[in-house]
Amino acid sequence: MRPDLKRRTLLKAAAAVPVLGMLPRWAHAEAFEPPMTFPPSQLLPPELQKGETFEVIGEVTAQGFSNRFMLSTIYGGYDVVTQDLLEKYVAETRAIAQLRKIKTTRAFASGFASAAKSPYKGVKALVEAPIETVKGVPVALWKFGRRVGEMVSGSRGEKEDSYPAELLGYSALKRKLAFKLGVDVYSANVTLQKEINDVSYAGFAGGLAFKGAMIPVSLPAVAGKALSAIQYTRQANQILRDMTPEDLRIRNRAALKAMWAESSEIDTFMDNNYFTPRHETIITMALESMAGVMNRQAVIRRAGLVDSDLAALLMQRSVEMMRAYHATVHAIVRFEEIDSNLAMVTDDGGLAITMPADRIHWTEWFAKTTAALAAYRTPQIRWRGLVVAGQLSDRARTNAQALGLIVESHARETLLPKEEWEAPELLEVDDDTPDPPAEASPALETPSPAEPLPAGPQPGTGPEWQDAPSSGGVI
């Protein structure tokens, strides 16, 4: 356990005696705090405020749980909810710039022209217009066994490539390229998908050569408790690079079954279209690394109830926080379900909820959540608390502490480091190629304007999102 966290926890735990039934006065709506605005410099580190390809403009709206940013990029302006998504979009903007730089090279034009004449020229059509069946795909291209079984029996999300593209090996190259660029291959960013599809197609079907970009790395073992949050995320990204969506599902199902999760619970979680293979794998790996923790099935049950893209992301981040807390602060003994929240019972007698929030205000949702945590009865509890990724308003902190809760804020720096999205590696191509054939010249034209990036995952129906719904679109 980190000495500073241990010292603060012990001091606060000694003084914190929960006064059950003693609630702050929040009966009147006037007592709750409205959304607030802040300059970006007050809420964001410098590297997220402005860069070569982006800038956060105007005021940031703190909605009570998630912050809302107006992101201006060289590809357009976007409405982004949560700092987690802002970090992701910034990484994707940098990646798009690199991909478009590659597309200006003679090597790309030559590869693109060669791809159009290769036996795999149909791959581009399969990727851009995925088909629902594998009719007409030569049997020799199939890898028989469990992977095909998962393709047939499992479901494939809209953010994944088509089955034929996967079987042809195109998607393997795409996953490696996304890994090198530091982006999520399953991202809903249509601009990123278009650019990475073009470059992957030129590489797979046309022989575009990358200098050291595709060096294979052996599949890493499952993350252990001793791994730091940075190491854990890197390992998860490597697994996502090296395994197909079907292999990931086979792996994740087996892991969840080993945790004694019911088949119906596993199916509900893995068939939830709001979770991408990345979400599913990171949540599963986090639970695996908490071997011996009782009632891990509760996490899977809660995940099955997710009803929006934003809720899926926050579920993933909350579980990541619990994994890091278990590994570096206090070991978790078991999970408890408190109303609509998951709580962790720790080996030092704590009962705590992790919150991947940007900035928490005193809202009706937070009032009910803290009251429920303070009133929840379970054996051998010595202290109760909240572990918040970001900040809390003075009123939110004061009212939570009035209930006897320990409040630890700014946990993003220790439990959720920015290594979630590494800076992309500089990709180089072997550009010692002759000029492309005349028919390939369109590939060198200035790329068409980017399609609008979809707005960040929108708020769900839970009370924590009702205080200030997103505008829901591009600026």
Protein backbone atom coordinates (compact mmCIF):
# COMPACT_ATOMS: atom_id res chain seq x y z
CA MET A 1 0.00 0.00 0.00
CA ARG A 2 1.30 3.48 -0.79
CA PRO A 3 2.48 5.11 2.48
CA ASP A 4 0.60 8.36 1.94
CA LEU A 5 -2.70 6.60 1.23
CA LYS A 6 -2.18 4.24 4.16
CA ARG A 7 -1.47 7.12 6.55
CA ARG A 8 -4.53 9.09 5.40
CA THR A 9 -6.75 6.01 5.51
CA LEU A 10 -5.70 5.01 9.02
CA LEU A 11 -6.11 8.54 10.38
CA LYS A 12 -9.53 8.98 8.83
CA ALA A 13 -10.68 5.47 9.71
CA ALA A 14 -9.87 6.05 13.35
CA ALA A 15 -12.00 9.18 13.40
CA ALA A 16 -14.80 7.94 11.17
CA VAL A 17 -17.66 6.44 13.16
CA PRO A 18 -20.69 6.13 10.84
CA VAL A 19 -23.73 7.86 12.30
CA LEU A 20 -26.47 5.80 10.73
CA GLY A 21 -29.72 7.60 10.11
CA MET A 22 -28.09 11.02 10.49
CA LEU A 23 -28.68 12.49 7.03
CA PRO A 24 -27.85 15.90 5.63
CA ARG A 25 -30.76 18.19 4.80
CA TRP A 26 -31.34 17.46 1.11
CA ALA A 27 -35.10 17.20 1.03
CA HIS A 28 -35.51 20.35 -1.04
CA ALA A 29 -34.31 20.57 -4.63
CA GLU A 30 -32.83 23.99 -3.87
CA ALA A 31 -30.22 22.25 -1.71
CA PHE A 32 -28.69 20.51 -4.71
CA GLU A 33 -25.91 22.04 -6.77
CA PRO A 34 -26.50 22.88 -10.44
CA PRO A 35 -24.00 22.27 -13.25
CA MET A 36 -20.97 24.55 -13.04
CA THR A 37 -18.44 25.86 -15.56
CA PHE A 38 -14.67 26.08 -15.26
CA PRO A 39 -11.78 27.05 -17.53
CA PRO A 40 -10.01 23.98 -18.98
CA SER A 41 -6.81 24.92 -17.12
CA GLN A 42 -8.58 24.31 -13.81
CA LEU A 43 -9.70 20.76 -14.61
CA LEU A 44 -7.25 19.34 -17.15
CA PRO A 45 -3.51 18.68 -17.29
CA PRO A 46 -1.69 20.80 -19.91
CA GLU A 47 -1.30 17.91 -22.37
CA LEU A 48 -5.08 17.59 -22.65
CA GLN A 49 -5.81 21.30 -23.02
CA LYS A 50 -4.10 21.91 -26.35
CA GLY A 51 -1.89 20.11 -28.86
CA GLU A 52 -0.79 20.21 -32.49
CA THR A 53 -4.07 18.69 -33.72
CA PHE A 54 -6.61 19.73 -31.05
CA GLU A 55 -7.69 22.26 -28.44
CA VAL A 56 -10.36 22.27 -25.72
CA ILE A 57 -12.23 25.49 -26.32
CA GLY A 58 -14.55 27.56 -24.15
CA GLU A 59 -15.60 26.63 -20.64
CA VAL A 60 -15.85 23.06 -19.36
CA THR A 61 -19.28 22.15 -17.98
CA ALA A 62 -19.11 20.09 -14.80
CA GLN A 63 -22.43 18.26 -14.80
CA GLY A 64 -22.28 16.75 -11.33
CA PHE A 65 -20.47 13.51 -12.23
CA SER A 66 -19.01 13.74 -15.73
CA ASN A 67 -17.44 16.82 -17.27
CA ARG A 68 -18.41 17.97 -20.75
CA PHE A 69 -15.81 19.37 -23.14
CA MET A 70 -15.97 21.22 -26.44
CA LEU A 71 -13.12 19.69 -28.43
CA SER A 72 -11.86 21.46 -31.54
CA THR A 73 -9.61 19.41 -33.85
CA ILE A 74 -8.22 19.81 -37.35
CA TYR A 75 -11.02 17.45 -38.39
CA GLY A 76 -13.93 19.27 -36.75
CA GLY A 77 -15.42 20.23 -33.40
CA TYR A 78 -16.96 17.69 -31.04
CA ASP A 79 -19.02 17.44 -27.89
CA VAL A 80 -17.23 15.04 -25.51
CA VAL A 81 -18.55 13.71 -22.21
CA THR A 82 -15.98 12.56 -19.56
CA GLN A 83 -12.24 13.08 -19.36
CA ASP A 84 -11.69 9.40 -20.21
CA LEU A 85 -13.25 9.93 -23.61
CA LEU A 86 -11.39 13.20 -24.11
CA GLU A 87 -8.09 11.36 -23.66
CA LYS A 88 -9.27 8.73 -26.13
CA TYR A 89 -10.32 11.28 -28.77
CA VAL A 90 -7.07 13.19 -28.44
CA ALA A 91 -5.13 9.97 -29.05
CA GLU A 92 -7.32 9.20 -32.06
CA THR A 93 -6.78 12.67 -33.51
CA ARG A 94 -3.01 12.16 -33.35
CA ALA A 95 -3.39 8.73 -34.96
CA ILE A 96 -5.51 10.10 -37.81
CA ALA A 97 -2.82 12.68 -38.53
CA GLN A 98 -0.20 9.93 -38.77
CA LEU A 99 -2.36 7.73 -40.98
CA ARG A 100 -3.04 10.60 -43.36
CA LYS A 101 0.68 11.34 -43.51
CA ILE A 102 1.30 7.72 -44.52
CA LYS A 103 -1.33 8.07 -47.24
CA THR A 104 0.68 10.86 -48.89
CA THR A 105 3.67 8.59 -49.52
CA ARG A 106 4.53 6.91 -52.79
CA ALA A 107 4.72 3.59 -50.93
CA PHE A 108 1.07 3.87 -49.94
CA ALA A 109 -0.03 4.78 -53.46
CA SER A 110 1.90 1.83 -54.84
CA GLY A 111 0.49 -0.53 -52.23
CA PHE A 112 -3.03 0.69 -52.79
CA ALA A 113 -2.66 0.20 -56.55
CA SER A 114 -1.22 -3.30 -56.07
CA ALA A 115 -4.04 -4.20 -53.68
CA ALA A 116 -6.60 -3.42 -56.36
CA LYS A 117 -5.03 -6.12 -58.53
CA SER A 118 -4.41 -8.71 -55.81
CA PRO A 119 -6.46 -11.85 -55.08
CA TYR A 120 -7.61 -10.11 -51.91
CA LYS A 121 -9.06 -7.03 -53.55
CA GLY A 122 -12.51 -8.04 -52.31
CA VAL A 123 -11.41 -7.52 -48.73
CA LYS A 124 -11.96 -3.76 -48.94
CA ALA A 125 -15.57 -4.25 -49.98
CA LEU A 126 -16.09 -6.72 -47.14
CA VAL A 127 -14.74 -4.26 -44.60
CA GLU A 128 -16.59 -1.20 -45.91
CA ALA A 129 -19.86 -3.08 -46.37
CA PRO A 130 -19.75 -6.04 -43.94
CA ILE A 131 -21.92 -9.02 -44.80
CA GLU A 132 -23.92 -11.08 -42.34
CA THR A 133 -22.99 -14.55 -43.64
CA VAL A 134 -19.85 -16.30 -44.82
CA LYS A 135 -21.47 -17.76 -47.91
CA GLY A 136 -19.01 -17.86 -50.81
CA VAL A 137 -15.87 -17.67 -48.70
CA PRO A 138 -13.57 -20.57 -49.65
CA VAL A 139 -13.46 -23.28 -47.01
CA ALA A 140 -9.65 -23.25 -47.12
CA LEU A 141 -9.67 -19.78 -45.59
CA TRP A 142 -11.43 -20.94 -42.44
CA LYS A 143 -9.65 -21.85 -39.28
CA PHE A 144 -11.83 -24.67 -38.06
CA GLY A 145 -12.55 -25.29 -34.39
CA ARG A 146 -13.70 -23.17 -31.53
CA ARG A 147 -13.20 -19.83 -33.25
CA VAL A 148 -15.67 -20.69 -36.01
CA GLY A 149 -18.04 -22.04 -33.37
CA GLU A 150 -17.93 -18.73 -31.54
CA MET A 151 -18.54 -16.88 -34.80
CA VAL A 152 -21.64 -18.98 -35.39
CA SER A 153 -23.01 -19.10 -31.86
CA GLY A 154 -21.80 -15.76 -30.53
CA SER A 155 -22.71 -12.26 -31.55
CA ARG A 156 -20.46 -9.78 -33.33
CA GLY A 157 -20.73 -6.11 -32.50
CA GLU A 158 -21.18 -3.37 -35.04
CA LYS A 159 -17.69 -2.02 -34.28
CA GLU A 160 -15.99 -5.27 -35.31
CA ASP A 161 -14.88 -6.26 -38.80
CA SER A 162 -16.78 -8.80 -40.84
CA TYR A 163 -16.08 -12.52 -40.42
CA PRO A 164 -14.41 -12.91 -43.84
CA ALA A 165 -12.10 -9.97 -43.15
CA GLU A 166 -11.07 -11.57 -39.87
CA LEU A 167 -10.49 -14.97 -41.44
CA LEU A 168 -8.45 -13.53 -44.28
CA GLY A 169 -6.01 -12.03 -41.77
CA TYR A 170 -6.80 -8.42 -42.63
CA SER A 171 -8.11 -7.65 -39.14
CA ALA A 172 -4.98 -9.07 -37.52
CA LEU A 173 -2.92 -6.47 -39.36
CA LYS A 174 -5.44 -3.77 -38.45
CA ARG A 175 -5.26 -4.68 -34.75
CA LYS A 176 -1.44 -4.50 -34.81
CA LEU A 177 -1.55 -1.13 -36.52
CA ALA A 178 -4.06 0.21 -33.97
CA PHE A 179 -1.82 -1.05 -31.16
CA LYS A 180 1.18 0.78 -32.60
CA LEU A 181 -0.87 3.96 -32.95
CA GLY A 182 -2.15 3.73 -29.37
CA VAL A 183 -5.86 3.60 -30.30
CA ASP A 184 -8.78 1.23 -29.82
CA VAL A 185 -9.32 -0.89 -32.92
CA TYR A 186 -13.01 -1.16 -31.94
CA SER A 187 -13.50 2.59 -31.69
CA ALA A 188 -16.73 4.12 -32.98
CA ASN A 189 -14.75 7.00 -34.51
CA VAL A 190 -15.74 6.68 -38.19
CA THR A 191 -12.91 8.95 -39.33
CA LEU A 192 -10.31 6.82 -37.58
CA GLN A 193 -11.89 3.63 -38.93
CA LYS A 194 -11.79 4.92 -42.51
CA GLU A 195 -8.14 5.95 -42.33
CA ILE A 196 -6.93 2.81 -40.57
CA ASN A 197 -8.93 0.63 -42.98
CA ASP A 198 -7.24 2.29 -45.96
CA VAL A 199 -3.73 1.84 -44.59
CA SER A 200 -4.40 -1.72 -43.38
CA TYR A 201 -5.82 -2.62 -46.79
CA ALA A 202 -2.75 -1.28 -48.56
CA GLY A 203 -0.58 -3.25 -46.15
CA PHE A 204 -2.49 -6.53 -46.27
CA ALA A 205 -3.46 -6.75 -49.94
CA GLY A 206 -0.88 -4.43 -51.48
CA GLY A 207 2.29 -5.16 -49.56
CA LEU A 208 2.81 -1.72 -47.98
CA ALA A 209 5.85 -2.21 -45.74
CA PHE A 210 6.17 -0.64 -42.30
CA LYS A 211 9.59 -0.14 -40.74
CA GLY A 212 9.43 -2.16 -37.54
CA ALA A 213 5.74 -1.47 -37.09
CA MET A 214 4.60 -5.09 -37.08
CA ILE A 215 7.18 -6.77 -34.87
CA PRO A 216 5.34 -9.71 -33.26
CA VAL A 217 5.19 -9.93 -29.49
CA SER A 218 4.32 -13.18 -27.70
CA LEU A 219 0.93 -13.35 -26.02
CA PRO A 220 1.32 -12.18 -22.42
CA ALA A 221 0.03 -14.04 -19.42
CA VAL A 222 -3.02 -12.89 -17.49
CA ALA A 223 -2.33 -9.86 -15.31
CA GLY A 224 -1.32 -10.69 -11.78
CA LYS A 225 -2.00 -8.79 -8.58
CA ALA A 226 1.51 -7.31 -8.49
CA LEU A 227 1.10 -5.48 -11.78
CA SER A 228 0.80 -1.72 -11.64
CA ALA A 229 -2.06 0.01 -13.43
CA ILE A 230 0.31 0.98 -16.24
CA GLN A 231 1.64 -2.55 -16.70
CA TYR A 232 -1.86 -3.97 -16.51
CA THR A 233 -3.19 -1.68 -19.25
CA ARG A 234 -0.24 -2.41 -21.53
CA GLN A 235 -0.82 -6.12 -21.10
CA ALA A 236 -4.53 -5.78 -21.85
CA ASN A 237 -3.74 -3.82 -25.01
CA GLN A 238 -1.35 -6.56 -26.14
CA ILE A 239 -3.99 -9.24 -25.68
CA LEU A 240 -6.47 -7.15 -27.65
CA ARG A 241 -3.87 -6.83 -30.39
CA ASP A 242 -3.05 -10.53 -30.59
CA MET A 243 -6.49 -12.15 -30.29
CA THR A 244 -9.52 -12.08 -32.58
CA PRO A 245 -12.90 -11.02 -31.16
CA GLU A 246 -13.97 -14.67 -31.24
CA ASP A 247 -10.86 -15.85 -29.39
CA LEU A 248 -11.40 -13.07 -26.85
CA ARG A 249 -14.95 -14.26 -26.24
CA ILE A 250 -13.82 -17.87 -25.84
CA ARG A 251 -11.17 -16.73 -23.39
CA ASN A 252 -13.48 -14.41 -21.46
CA ARG A 253 -16.32 -16.92 -21.21
CA ALA A 254 -13.97 -19.54 -19.78
CA ALA A 255 -12.56 -17.07 -17.27
CA LEU A 256 -15.99 -15.92 -16.11
CA LYS A 257 -17.22 -19.48 -15.81
CA ALA A 258 -14.24 -20.25 -13.59
CA MET A 259 -15.47 -17.46 -11.27
CA TRP A 260 -18.72 -19.40 -10.79
CA ALA A 261 -20.77 -16.92 -12.79
CA GLU A 262 -24.04 -18.37 -14.08
CA SER A 263 -24.27 -19.03 -17.82
CA SER A 264 -27.23 -16.65 -18.05
CA GLU A 265 -25.21 -13.89 -16.34
CA ILE A 266 -22.28 -14.41 -18.71
CA ASP A 267 -24.56 -14.37 -21.75
CA THR A 268 -26.32 -11.19 -20.64
CA PHE A 269 -22.98 -9.44 -20.12
CA MET A 270 -21.31 -10.61 -23.32
CA ASP A 271 -24.38 -10.13 -25.51
CA ASN A 272 -24.81 -6.53 -24.33
CA ASN A 273 -24.07 -4.51 -27.48
CA TYR A 274 -22.90 -1.51 -25.47
CA PHE A 275 -19.75 -3.44 -24.54
CA THR A 276 -17.03 -3.76 -27.17
CA PRO A 277 -14.52 -6.63 -27.05
CA ARG A 278 -12.18 -4.18 -25.34
CA HIS A 279 -14.66 -3.44 -22.53
CA GLU A 280 -15.42 -7.13 -22.03
CA THR A 281 -11.77 -8.17 -21.96
CA ILE A 282 -10.57 -5.46 -19.60
CA ILE A 283 -13.41 -6.14 -17.15
CA THR A 284 -12.77 -9.88 -17.29
CA MET A 285 -9.01 -9.49 -16.84
CA ALA A 286 -9.54 -7.18 -13.89
CA LEU A 287 -11.78 -9.76 -12.20
CA GLU A 288 -9.28 -12.53 -12.96
CA SER A 289 -6.52 -10.59 -11.23
CA MET A 290 -8.68 -10.47 -8.09
CA ALA A 291 -8.56 -14.23 -7.56
CA GLY A 292 -10.06 -15.25 -4.24
CA VAL A 293 -12.34 -12.22 -3.96
CA MET A 294 -15.82 -13.46 -3.16
CA ASN A 295 -18.95 -12.56 -5.13
CA ARG A 296 -17.24 -11.43 -8.30
CA GLN A 297 -20.44 -12.54 -10.01
CA ALA A 298 -22.04 -9.34 -8.71
CA VAL A 299 -19.84 -7.34 -11.09
CA ILE A 300 -21.04 -9.41 -14.05
CA ARG A 301 -24.68 -9.02 -13.00
CA ARG A 302 -24.30 -5.25 -12.78
CA ALA A 303 -22.51 -5.11 -16.12
CA GLY A 304 -25.43 -6.87 -17.74
CA LEU A 305 -27.68 -3.93 -16.80
CA VAL A 306 -25.60 -1.33 -18.68
CA ASP A 307 -27.85 0.68 -21.01
CA SER A 308 -25.56 3.12 -22.86
CA ASP A 309 -22.07 3.50 -24.32
CA LEU A 310 -21.19 5.91 -21.54
CA ALA A 311 -22.36 3.51 -18.84
CA ALA A 312 -20.27 0.74 -20.44
CA LEU A 313 -17.15 2.89 -20.29
CA LEU A 314 -17.80 3.93 -16.69
CA MET A 315 -18.41 0.30 -15.70
CA GLN A 316 -15.05 -0.64 -17.16
CA ARG A 317 -13.29 2.24 -15.41
CA SER A 318 -14.92 1.46 -12.07
CA VAL A 319 -13.76 -2.16 -12.21
CA GLU A 320 -10.27 -0.99 -13.20
CA MET A 321 -10.19 1.24 -10.15
CA MET A 322 -11.20 -1.68 -7.92
CA ARG A 323 -8.48 -3.87 -9.45
CA ALA A 324 -5.81 -1.23 -8.81
CA TYR A 325 -7.11 -0.59 -5.27
CA HIS A 326 -6.94 -4.32 -4.57
CA ALA A 327 -3.38 -4.50 -5.92
CA THR A 328 -1.87 -1.37 -4.39
CA VAL A 329 -3.94 -0.12 -1.43
CA HIS A 330 -5.97 -2.77 0.42
CA ALA A 331 -6.94 -6.28 -0.66
CA ILE A 332 -10.63 -6.73 -1.46
CA VAL A 333 -12.36 -9.57 0.38
CA ARG A 334 -15.74 -9.54 -1.36
CA PHE A 335 -18.18 -7.42 -3.34
CA GLU A 336 -21.52 -6.14 -2.05
CA GLU A 337 -24.45 -4.71 -4.04
CA ILE A 338 -25.81 -1.51 -2.48
CA ASP A 339 -28.85 -0.26 -4.40
CA SER A 340 -27.51 0.46 -7.90
CA ASN A 341 -23.85 0.49 -6.85
CA LEU A 342 -21.10 -2.06 -6.34
CA ALA A 343 -19.13 -1.78 -3.12
CA MET A 344 -15.91 -3.51 -2.11
CA VAL A 345 -15.27 -4.93 1.36
CA THR A 346 -11.55 -4.67 2.16
CA ASP A 347 -9.30 -6.70 4.43
CA ASP A 348 -9.01 -3.81 6.90
CA GLY A 349 -12.76 -3.68 7.48
CA GLY A 350 -13.63 -1.08 4.87
CA LEU A 351 -16.78 -0.77 2.76
CA ALA A 352 -16.10 1.53 -0.19
CA ILE A 353 -17.47 2.49 -3.60
CA THR A 354 -15.20 3.47 -6.51
CA MET A 355 -16.45 6.34 -8.66
CA PRO A 356 -14.79 7.09 -12.04
CA ALA A 357 -16.19 10.61 -11.86
CA ASP A 358 -14.61 13.80 -13.19
CA ARG A 359 -16.18 16.11 -10.60
CA ILE A 360 -18.94 15.26 -8.14
CA HIS A 361 -21.46 17.87 -6.98
CA TRP A 362 -24.11 17.56 -4.32
CA THR A 363 -26.94 16.12 -6.40
CA GLU A 364 -29.94 13.96 -5.57
CA TRP A 365 -28.14 10.89 -6.96
CA PHE A 366 -25.04 11.50 -4.80
CA ALA A 367 -27.18 12.18 -1.72
CA LYS A 368 -29.04 8.88 -2.12
CA THR A 369 -25.86 6.95 -2.85
CA THR A 370 -24.00 8.23 0.19
CA ALA A 371 -27.02 7.69 2.44
CA ALA A 372 -27.36 4.10 1.22
CA LEU A 373 -23.66 3.44 1.81
CA ALA A 374 -23.82 4.87 5.32
CA ALA A 375 -26.91 2.82 6.20
CA TYR A 376 -25.84 -0.50 4.66
CA ARG A 377 -25.28 -3.18 7.30
CA THR A 378 -22.80 -5.98 6.78
CA PRO A 379 -20.58 -7.76 9.35
CA GLN A 380 -17.19 -6.53 10.57
CA ILE A 381 -17.19 -3.10 8.92
CA ARG A 382 -14.94 -0.52 10.60
CA TRP A 383 -15.07 2.30 8.06
CA ARG A 384 -17.03 3.35 4.97
CA GLY A 385 -15.87 5.53 2.15
CA LEU A 386 -15.71 6.74 -1.43
CA VAL A 387 -12.77 6.52 -3.84
CA VAL A 388 -13.31 9.19 -6.51
CA ALA A 389 -11.23 9.46 -9.68
CA GLY A 390 -11.58 13.24 -9.87
CA GLN A 391 -12.73 16.05 -7.61
CA LEU A 392 -15.68 16.80 -5.32
CA SER A 393 -17.30 20.12 -4.60
CA ASP A 394 -16.92 21.39 -1.04
CA ARG A 395 -20.60 20.73 -0.35
CA ALA A 396 -20.46 17.17 -1.69
CA ARG A 397 -17.42 16.37 0.42
CA THR A 398 -18.80 18.01 3.56
CA ASN A 399 -22.15 16.24 3.35
CA ALA A 400 -20.52 12.86 2.67
CA GLN A 401 -18.21 13.27 5.63
CA ALA A 402 -21.18 14.28 7.79
CA LEU A 403 -22.43 10.73 7.24
CA GLY A 404 -19.16 9.34 8.57
CA LEU A 405 -17.76 8.51 5.15
CA ILE A 406 -14.07 8.73 4.31
CA VAL A 407 -13.63 10.56 1.00
CA GLU A 408 -10.53 9.95 -1.12
CA SER A 409 -10.40 12.09 -4.28
CA HIS A 410 -7.96 12.53 -7.20
CA ALA A 411 -7.56 8.76 -7.48
CA ARG A 412 -7.22 9.04 -11.27
CA GLU A 413 -3.51 9.74 -10.89
CA THR A 414 -2.90 6.61 -8.79
CA LEU A 415 -5.56 4.12 -9.89
CA LEU A 416 -6.24 5.24 -13.47
CA PRO A 417 -3.02 6.65 -14.95
CA LYS A 418 -3.09 8.25 -18.39
CA GLU A 419 -1.28 5.20 -19.77
CA GLU A 420 -4.76 4.07 -20.87
CA TRP A 421 -3.95 5.62 -24.24
CA GLU A 422 -0.22 5.70 -24.92
CA ALA A 423 1.17 8.29 -27.30
CA PRO A 424 1.29 6.69 -30.76
CA GLU A 425 4.58 5.45 -32.09
CA LEU A 426 5.88 7.26 -35.15
CA LEU A 427 5.13 4.92 -38.01
CA GLU A 428 7.42 4.96 -41.00
CA VAL A 429 6.96 3.21 -44.31
CA ASP A 430 9.54 1.91 -46.72
CA ASP A 431 9.11 4.64 -49.31
CA ASP A 432 11.89 3.53 -51.64
CA THR A 433 9.37 2.55 -54.26
CA PRO A 434 8.89 3.60 -57.86
CA ASP A 435 6.16 6.03 -58.70
CA PRO A 436 2.76 4.30 -58.71
CA PRO A 437 0.95 3.43 -61.92
CA ALA A 438 -1.17 6.18 -63.42
CA GLU A 439 -4.42 4.54 -62.32
CA ALA A 440 -3.29 4.77 -58.68
CA SER A 441 -2.95 8.55 -58.68
CA PRO A 442 -6.31 9.17 -56.96
CA ALA A 443 -4.80 7.63 -53.83
CA LEU A 444 -2.48 10.63 -53.61
CA GLU A 445 -5.21 13.22 -53.74
CA THR A 446 -5.99 15.25 -50.69
CA PRO A 447 -8.21 13.11 -48.44
CA SER A 448 -11.86 14.00 -48.51
CA PRO A 449 -13.20 15.89 -45.48
CA ALA A 450 -13.54 13.65 -42.47
CA GLU A 451 -16.92 12.28 -41.60
CA PRO A 452 -18.23 13.76 -38.36
CA LEU A 453 -16.90 11.99 -35.32
CA PRO A 454 -19.86 10.63 -33.39
CA ALA A 455 -20.51 12.43 -30.14
CA GLY A 456 -19.12 10.75 -27.07
CA PRO A 457 -21.21 8.08 -25.38
CA GLN A 458 -24.39 9.75 -24.31
CA PRO A 459 -25.82 9.76 -20.79
CA GLY A 460 -27.97 6.81 -19.82
CA THR A 461 -31.23 6.83 -17.91
CA GLY A 462 -29.80 6.71 -14.40
CA PRO A 463 -30.34 9.65 -12.06
CA GLU A 464 -26.66 10.58 -12.12
CA TRP A 465 -27.05 11.65 -15.77
CA GLN A 466 -30.29 13.57 -15.51
CA ASP A 467 -28.84 16.79 -14.11
CA ALA A 468 -27.38 18.03 -17.43
CA PRO A 469 -27.87 15.80 -20.47
CA SER A 470 -25.45 16.16 -23.37
CA SER A 471 -26.40 18.09 -26.48
CA GLY A 472 -25.75 14.83 -28.30
CA GLY A 473 -23.80 15.76 -31.37
CA VAL A 474 -21.12 17.54 -33.28
CA ILE A 475 -20.81 21.24 -32.51
